[in-house]
């Protein structure tokens, strides 16, 4: 990071609290009729701004849009037409002075004649800042809030993109010298620590600074304040100080639970601790020697021996060392320093200690953030899996939330109820769901994508017809379907074609009718063992037939018919529970002859067979979700 960024006015940001951009207090630019106190360049810029606003109004545009405003990159071309201006007056230094006069930079904008505010645009794959200038000069004073709001709202989409990408790709410091970019020469030529250069405010100011080139950067305090308000509201940033924020990064984890990228808090902590050590130790030595604090000089030497010379590799910013450094700084009697150097060293060290102390607090919260990141990832995976499973399998996705939490590495079982409630809410907001509570205080969740509900009911109906083990899942699917129908879910069957939904529902009705007939057969089988009854009847008739032939009389045969019927009936009733499996086997055998149209629909094998013709697939399934896609 460049040292010239030290000019960014963080102090002004710290003085004010974030406010909603749409509820800003009026901020005015004032009409300077006589151009009092303005350079020739500034007066020409005001003339151009007045003409620019008039041209915009002539085109009939009443709304404010950044594209209608004059931008800084056009300024050089516009000033070239003024022949009364010397080349010196058109040079970047003269324009710098003119811009600062127009915004009343010295008095912090109390009597500004123009308003400067950036907005973001795309330039190919890059994002750039354009600096807009506004000064209608129609009234004595003009409220600039509409210009400010229009420019920022235009930039919101790109701000989201920048912060989202930044959260996924943390900036890693130099391993050997992590705090180097915070140490620069000050105006007096001394090495100095600028701890706020690590903040997100400074990072974003770099982007704005490029938009001012070739002119000097004027701190965009208004924009940075609006940016922080917006980023805080959308939970993009973490506050360390009022004027020091860091990105709230997405904690990326390896399968073993370790961080795949160094967390942003750790990176800032390492940079600040390294920079403070390299700044504070030399100045503490200088100040203590100058004041004759021999004992304090001994403490510095002991600190260097213990925490610098004897430190193991990889522990250059360990907690014990940083705490010892902070203790050393806090114990130095800065209140006895009378010259400017001592006061500035004290101020800088205390600011750095304040930042590091807050970073250490946030570092301790990483374990909680890590768990939140794991749970967030788990939720995302489950939601994705529900949709994927419904699309591919066309059945309910079943899982145990307790088991999912346990397998993800979340060991705090006390938090399980709250996490499961949150998971249920996420699922119910997006999908159809049924929760089955178990006696052991655990639960089982059945979920389905409502966009394929008819296809799921159709397939489960077919599977339940062939295998009663699927009957429970079918009943749960029907309950979910009923809940999605009342009130009707906007996404119900939305991923299926209308004609296919009709075919699927007809198939479901046919299979339900088949199930009713099967249940009737089972009820009959519970009362009579038909095979045993037939066997008794036939055996008895054979005996009576033999007797009729032997005695050469048909009377025995006529007597045998009712006797055989009675005997068969008694046997069927007596053995009604002993041969039920044979009845069910015969029932399925007889039902297989019904497999002409709807039997094919209920077959899970036919549902996925690659050998079926297209017509057979349409008849058996109506339409699979893949056909619509």
Foldseek 3Di string as FASTA:
>chain_A
DDPVLLPACLVVLQVDFFDALVPDDFAKEFFDPVCPPADPLLVLVLVVQQVLVVVLVVVVDPADAQVSFDWLVCSLVSVVVPPVDDPVCSDQVNVQVSVCQQCVVVVRRPHHQKDWDWAWDDDDPDIAIIIGIHHNSPDRMDGCSSVRVNRVVNRVVVLVVVLQVCLAPPDAADQVQRQVVQWDQDPVRDTDGNLQCPAVLVVVVVRVQVNNPPHGDDHNSVNSSNSVSVCVVVVQWDDLHSSGIDGQHQFDADPVGHTPDDGPLVSSLVNLLSRLVVHVLVVVCVVCVVVVVPVLNVLSVVLCVPQPVPDDPPCNRPPVSSVSSLVSLVPDPLVPDDDPVSVVSNVRSVVSVSSNVSSVVVVVCVVVVSLVSLLVVLLVVVLVVQAVCCQPVVFWDKDWQVVSCVVSPNDPVVCSVVSVVVSVVVQVVQWQKDWAADPVRTIMMTTHGQLSLLLSLLQLLLQCLVPVVSVVRNVVSVVSVVVCVVVPPPNHVVLPDPQLSVLSVVLSVVSVVVVVVVVVLLVVLLQFQQVQLVVQLVVQLVVLVVVCVVVVHCVSNVVSNVVSNVRSRVRGRVCSPPPSVVSVVVVVVVCVVVCPQSNCLNDSCNQPDPPDDPVNNCRNRVDRSVVSD
